[in-house]
């Protein structure tokens, strides 16, 4: 049975640990060393090691790893659909769909 993660309860650090573990698992499933993944992704081997061990990586390096492992489509759909909890929030999303610039709603 697959382990399910409740993303609403996880901290950013826990989510990074999950992502790092998933990258390591996918790398090992494909029989790739860190050096081989470096060749495929362009991400330096020490960066891959640091991510797998300490869960620290830049977004561009993470995307390069995901792409090298065959997950470009998944990266493209991440955050592609609006999420809402209430009808009011959905109405706000629909109202703001065509906005080009962000605005800090706190300072209104």
N, C-alpha and C. Protein backbone atom coordinates (compact mmCIF):
# COMPACT_ATOMS: atom_id res chain seq x y z
N UNK A 1 0.85 -1.18 0.00
CA UNK A 1 0.00 0.00 0.00
C UNK A 1 0.89 1.25 0.00
N UNK A 2 0.67 2.18 -0.94
CA UNK A 2 1.54 3.36 -1.00
C UNK A 2 1.33 4.27 0.20
N UNK A 3 2.40 4.91 0.60
CA UNK A 3 2.34 5.87 1.70
C UNK A 3 1.75 7.15 1.18
N UNK A 4 0.71 7.64 1.81
CA UNK A 4 0.06 8.88 1.40
C UNK A 4 0.51 10.00 2.33
N UNK A 5 0.74 11.16 1.76
CA UNK A 5 1.17 12.30 2.53
C UNK A 5 0.04 13.31 2.61
N UNK A 6 -0.21 13.83 3.81
CA UNK A 6 -1.18 14.89 3.98
C UNK A 6 -0.42 16.20 3.84
N UNK A 7 -0.47 16.80 2.64
CA UNK A 7 0.34 17.99 2.36
C UNK A 7 -0.09 19.19 3.18
N UNK A 8 -1.33 19.20 3.67
CA UNK A 8 -1.79 20.32 4.47
C UNK A 8 -1.13 20.33 5.85
N UNK A 9 -0.63 19.22 6.30
CA UNK A 9 -0.06 19.12 7.64
C UNK A 9 1.47 19.16 7.62
N UNK A 10 2.08 18.96 6.45
CA UNK A 10 3.53 18.92 6.36
C UNK A 10 4.13 20.32 6.36
N UNK A 11 5.28 20.45 6.99
CA UNK A 11 6.02 21.71 6.96
C UNK A 11 6.78 21.77 5.63
N UNK A 12 7.25 22.95 5.23
CA UNK A 12 8.08 23.03 4.02
C UNK A 12 9.30 22.11 4.10
N UNK A 13 9.90 22.00 5.27
CA UNK A 13 11.07 21.13 5.44
C UNK A 13 10.70 19.66 5.22
N UNK A 14 9.53 19.27 5.72
CA UNK A 14 9.07 17.89 5.51
C UNK A 14 8.77 17.62 4.04
N UNK A 15 8.21 18.60 3.36
CA UNK A 15 7.94 18.44 1.92
C UNK A 15 9.24 18.33 1.14
N UNK A 16 10.25 19.12 1.50
CA UNK A 16 11.55 19.01 0.84
C UNK A 16 12.17 17.63 1.08
N UNK A 17 12.02 17.10 2.28
CA UNK A 17 12.54 15.76 2.58
C UNK A 17 11.84 14.71 1.72
N UNK A 18 10.54 14.85 1.54
CA UNK A 18 9.78 13.92 0.70
C UNK A 18 10.26 14.01 -0.75
N UNK A 19 10.43 15.23 -1.25
CA UNK A 19 10.91 15.40 -2.62
C UNK A 19 12.31 14.81 -2.80
N UNK A 20 13.18 15.06 -1.86
CA UNK A 20 14.55 14.53 -1.93
C UNK A 20 14.53 13.00 -1.93
N UNK A 21 13.71 12.43 -1.06
CA UNK A 21 13.60 10.97 -0.99
C UNK A 21 13.05 10.41 -2.30
N UNK A 22 12.08 11.10 -2.88
CA UNK A 22 11.51 10.65 -4.15
C UNK A 22 12.53 10.71 -5.28
N UNK A 23 13.34 11.77 -5.33
CA UNK A 23 14.39 11.87 -6.34
C UNK A 23 15.38 10.72 -6.17
N UNK A 24 15.81 10.48 -4.94
CA UNK A 24 16.76 9.39 -4.68
C UNK A 24 16.18 8.05 -5.12
N UNK A 25 14.91 7.79 -4.75
CA UNK A 25 14.27 6.53 -5.14
C UNK A 25 14.20 6.37 -6.66
N UNK A 26 13.78 7.43 -7.36
CA UNK A 26 13.67 7.36 -8.83
C UNK A 26 15.05 7.16 -9.46
N UNK A 27 16.07 7.83 -8.91
CA UNK A 27 17.44 7.67 -9.41
C UNK A 27 17.90 6.23 -9.27
N UNK A 28 17.69 5.67 -8.09
CA UNK A 28 18.12 4.30 -7.82
C UNK A 28 17.32 3.28 -8.63
N UNK A 29 16.03 3.51 -8.81
CA UNK A 29 15.20 2.62 -9.63
C UNK A 29 15.73 2.54 -11.06
N UNK A 30 16.25 3.65 -11.56
CA UNK A 30 16.78 3.69 -12.93
C UNK A 30 18.23 3.21 -12.98
N UNK A 31 18.76 2.84 -11.80
CA UNK A 31 20.13 2.35 -11.75
C UNK A 31 21.17 3.43 -12.01
N UNK A 32 20.83 4.66 -11.66
CA UNK A 32 21.73 5.79 -11.91
C UNK A 32 22.53 6.15 -10.66
N UNK A 33 23.81 6.34 -10.84
CA UNK A 33 24.63 6.92 -9.77
C UNK A 33 24.37 8.41 -9.76
N UNK A 34 24.84 9.08 -8.75
CA UNK A 34 24.72 10.55 -8.73
C UNK A 34 25.48 11.15 -9.90
N UNK A 35 26.63 10.56 -10.21
CA UNK A 35 27.44 11.06 -11.33
C UNK A 35 26.71 10.91 -12.65
N UNK A 36 26.01 9.78 -12.84
CA UNK A 36 25.24 9.58 -14.07
C UNK A 36 24.09 10.58 -14.15
N UNK A 37 23.44 10.85 -13.02
CA UNK A 37 22.36 11.83 -13.01
C UNK A 37 22.92 13.24 -13.29
N UNK A 38 24.13 13.50 -12.85
CA UNK A 38 24.80 14.77 -13.18
C UNK A 38 24.95 14.90 -14.68
N UNK A 39 25.37 13.84 -15.34
CA UNK A 39 25.54 13.86 -16.79
C UNK A 39 24.22 14.13 -17.50
N UNK A 40 23.14 13.52 -17.02
CA UNK A 40 21.82 13.69 -17.64
C UNK A 40 21.20 15.06 -17.36
N UNK A 41 21.45 15.59 -16.17
CA UNK A 41 20.75 16.80 -15.73
C UNK A 41 21.56 18.07 -15.79
N UNK A 42 22.87 17.95 -15.72
CA UNK A 42 23.72 19.13 -15.62
C UNK A 42 23.85 19.66 -14.21
N UNK A 43 23.21 19.00 -13.26
CA UNK A 43 23.28 19.40 -11.85
C UNK A 43 24.52 18.75 -11.24
N UNK A 44 25.40 19.53 -10.63
CA UNK A 44 26.64 18.97 -10.06
C UNK A 44 26.35 17.86 -9.03
N UNK A 45 27.21 16.86 -9.03
CA UNK A 45 27.07 15.73 -8.11
C UNK A 45 26.98 16.17 -6.66
N UNK A 46 27.82 17.13 -6.20
CA UNK A 46 27.68 17.56 -4.80
C UNK A 46 26.31 18.18 -4.50
N UNK A 47 25.70 18.83 -5.48
CA UNK A 47 24.37 19.41 -5.29
C UNK A 47 23.33 18.31 -5.12
N UNK A 48 23.46 17.25 -5.92
CA UNK A 48 22.54 16.11 -5.79
C UNK A 48 22.71 15.46 -4.42
N UNK A 49 23.95 15.25 -4.01
CA UNK A 49 24.22 14.65 -2.69
C UNK A 49 23.65 15.51 -1.57
N UNK A 50 23.86 16.81 -1.66
CA UNK A 50 23.35 17.71 -0.62
C UNK A 50 21.82 17.66 -0.56
N UNK A 51 21.17 17.62 -1.73
CA UNK A 51 19.72 17.53 -1.76
C UNK A 51 19.24 16.23 -1.13
N UNK A 52 19.85 15.12 -1.51
CA UNK A 52 19.42 13.83 -0.96
C UNK A 52 19.66 13.73 0.54
N UNK A 53 20.71 14.37 1.03
CA UNK A 53 21.07 14.24 2.43
C UNK A 53 20.52 15.36 3.32
N UNK A 54 20.53 16.59 2.80
CA UNK A 54 20.13 17.74 3.63
C UNK A 54 18.89 18.45 3.12
N UNK A 55 18.36 17.98 1.98
CA UNK A 55 17.09 18.47 1.41
C UNK A 55 17.16 19.93 0.99
N UNK A 56 18.32 20.37 0.54
CA UNK A 56 18.51 21.74 0.10
C UNK A 56 18.88 21.74 -1.38
N UNK A 57 18.13 22.55 -2.17
CA UNK A 57 18.40 22.63 -3.61
C UNK A 57 17.71 23.87 -4.17
N UNK A 58 18.25 24.41 -5.24
CA UNK A 58 17.58 25.53 -5.91
C UNK A 58 16.44 24.96 -6.76
N UNK A 59 15.49 25.80 -7.05
CA UNK A 59 14.36 25.36 -7.87
C UNK A 59 14.84 24.95 -9.26
N UNK A 60 15.75 25.70 -9.85
CA UNK A 60 16.23 25.35 -11.19
C UNK A 60 16.94 24.00 -11.20
N UNK A 61 17.71 23.70 -10.16
CA UNK A 61 18.36 22.39 -10.08
C UNK A 61 17.35 21.28 -9.87
N UNK A 62 16.34 21.53 -9.05
CA UNK A 62 15.30 20.52 -8.84
C UNK A 62 14.57 20.22 -10.15
N UNK A 63 14.23 21.27 -10.89
CA UNK A 63 13.54 21.08 -12.17
C UNK A 63 14.42 20.30 -13.13
N UNK A 64 15.71 20.59 -13.17
CA UNK A 64 16.63 19.85 -14.04
C UNK A 64 16.69 18.38 -13.66
N UNK A 65 16.70 18.07 -12.37
CA UNK A 65 16.69 16.67 -11.92
C UNK A 65 15.38 15.98 -12.31
N UNK A 66 14.27 16.66 -12.07
CA UNK A 66 12.96 16.10 -12.40
C UNK A 66 12.87 15.82 -13.90
N UNK A 67 13.34 16.76 -14.70
CA UNK A 67 13.32 16.59 -16.16
C UNK A 67 14.19 15.41 -16.57
N UNK A 68 15.39 15.31 -16.02
CA UNK A 68 16.31 14.22 -16.35
C UNK A 68 15.73 12.86 -15.97
N UNK A 69 14.91 12.83 -14.93
CA UNK A 69 14.29 11.58 -14.48
C UNK A 69 12.97 11.29 -15.19
N UNK A 70 12.56 12.18 -16.11
CA UNK A 70 11.35 11.94 -16.89
C UNK A 70 10.08 12.56 -16.34
N UNK A 71 10.21 13.56 -15.49
CA UNK A 71 9.04 14.16 -14.84
C UNK A 71 8.76 15.58 -15.30
N UNK A 72 9.15 15.95 -16.52
CA UNK A 72 8.90 17.30 -17.03
C UNK A 72 7.41 17.60 -17.08
N UNK A 73 6.62 16.63 -17.50
CA UNK A 73 5.17 16.85 -17.60
C UNK A 73 4.58 17.16 -16.21
N UNK A 74 5.06 16.45 -15.20
CA UNK A 74 4.56 16.68 -13.84
C UNK A 74 4.93 18.07 -13.33
N UNK A 75 6.11 18.53 -13.68
CA UNK A 75 6.53 19.88 -13.30
C UNK A 75 5.64 20.91 -13.97
N UNK A 76 5.30 20.67 -15.23
CA UNK A 76 4.45 21.62 -15.97
C UNK A 76 3.06 21.76 -15.36
N UNK A 77 2.52 20.69 -14.80
CA UNK A 77 1.16 20.77 -14.26
C UNK A 77 1.12 21.21 -12.80
N UNK A 78 2.28 21.23 -12.14
CA UNK A 78 2.33 21.68 -10.75
C UNK A 78 1.82 23.11 -10.66
N UNK A 79 0.86 23.35 -9.82
CA UNK A 79 0.24 24.66 -9.61
C UNK A 79 -0.52 25.18 -10.84
N UNK A 80 -0.83 24.32 -11.80
CA UNK A 80 -1.50 24.78 -13.01
C UNK A 80 -3.00 25.00 -12.84
N UNK A 81 -3.58 24.40 -11.83
CA UNK A 81 -5.01 24.53 -11.60
C UNK A 81 -5.26 25.24 -10.27
N UNK A 82 -6.25 26.13 -10.24
CA UNK A 82 -6.55 26.81 -8.98
C UNK A 82 -7.16 25.85 -7.96
N UNK A 83 -6.83 26.07 -6.72
CA UNK A 83 -7.43 25.31 -5.62
C UNK A 83 -8.24 26.29 -4.78
N UNK A 84 -9.37 25.82 -4.27
CA UNK A 84 -10.19 26.69 -3.44
C UNK A 84 -10.89 25.86 -2.38
N UNK A 85 -11.17 26.50 -1.25
CA UNK A 85 -11.86 25.84 -0.14
C UNK A 85 -13.30 26.31 0.01
N UNK A 86 -13.59 27.51 -0.47
CA UNK A 86 -14.94 28.05 -0.32
C UNK A 86 -15.41 28.61 -1.66
N UNK A 87 -16.70 28.82 -1.78
CA UNK A 87 -17.24 29.43 -2.99
C UNK A 87 -16.75 30.86 -3.14
N UNK A 88 -16.58 31.56 -2.03
CA UNK A 88 -16.05 32.93 -2.07
C UNK A 88 -14.64 32.94 -2.66
N UNK A 89 -13.83 31.99 -2.25
CA UNK A 89 -12.48 31.89 -2.78
C UNK A 89 -12.51 31.57 -4.28
N UNK A 90 -13.41 30.69 -4.71
CA UNK A 90 -13.56 30.38 -6.14
C UNK A 90 -13.97 31.62 -6.92
N UNK A 91 -14.90 32.40 -6.38
CA UNK A 91 -15.33 33.64 -7.04
C UNK A 91 -14.15 34.61 -7.18
N UNK A 92 -13.32 34.72 -6.16
CA UNK A 92 -12.15 35.59 -6.22
C UNK A 92 -11.17 35.08 -7.28
N UNK A 93 -10.97 33.79 -7.33
CA UNK A 93 -10.08 33.19 -8.34
C UNK A 93 -10.59 33.51 -9.74
N UNK A 94 -11.88 33.30 -9.96
CA UNK A 94 -12.46 33.55 -11.28
C UNK A 94 -12.37 35.03 -11.65
N UNK A 95 -12.59 35.90 -10.67
CA UNK A 95 -12.51 37.35 -10.90
C UNK A 95 -11.09 37.77 -11.29
N UNK A 96 -10.09 37.12 -10.73
CA UNK A 96 -8.69 37.52 -10.93
C UNK A 96 -7.96 36.70 -12.00
N UNK A 97 -8.66 35.83 -12.72
CA UNK A 97 -8.01 34.93 -13.68
C UNK A 97 -7.16 35.64 -14.72
N UNK A 98 -7.59 36.77 -15.21
CA UNK A 98 -6.87 37.43 -16.30
C UNK A 98 -5.94 38.55 -15.84
N UNK A 99 -5.69 38.62 -14.53
CA UNK A 99 -4.77 39.64 -14.01
C UNK A 99 -3.36 39.35 -14.46
N UNK A 100 -2.63 40.38 -14.76
CA UNK A 100 -1.24 40.24 -15.22
C UNK A 100 -0.24 40.50 -14.11
N UNK A 101 -0.59 41.35 -13.14
CA UNK A 101 0.33 41.70 -12.05
C UNK A 101 -0.27 41.25 -10.73
N UNK A 102 0.61 40.82 -9.83
CA UNK A 102 0.16 40.48 -8.49
C UNK A 102 0.00 41.74 -7.66
N UNK A 103 -0.77 41.63 -6.61
CA UNK A 103 -0.96 42.77 -5.70
C UNK A 103 -1.02 42.22 -4.30
N UNK A 104 -0.37 42.89 -3.40
CA UNK A 104 -0.36 42.47 -2.02
C UNK A 104 -1.71 42.84 -1.39
N UNK A 105 -2.53 41.82 -1.17
CA UNK A 105 -3.88 42.05 -0.64
C UNK A 105 -3.84 42.50 0.82
N UNK A 106 -2.77 42.23 1.53
CA UNK A 106 -2.68 42.61 2.95
C UNK A 106 -2.64 44.12 3.11
N UNK A 107 -2.03 44.82 2.15
CA UNK A 107 -1.87 46.26 2.26
C UNK A 107 -3.02 47.04 1.65
N UNK A 108 -4.15 46.43 1.43
CA UNK A 108 -5.31 47.13 0.86
C UNK A 108 -5.87 48.14 1.81
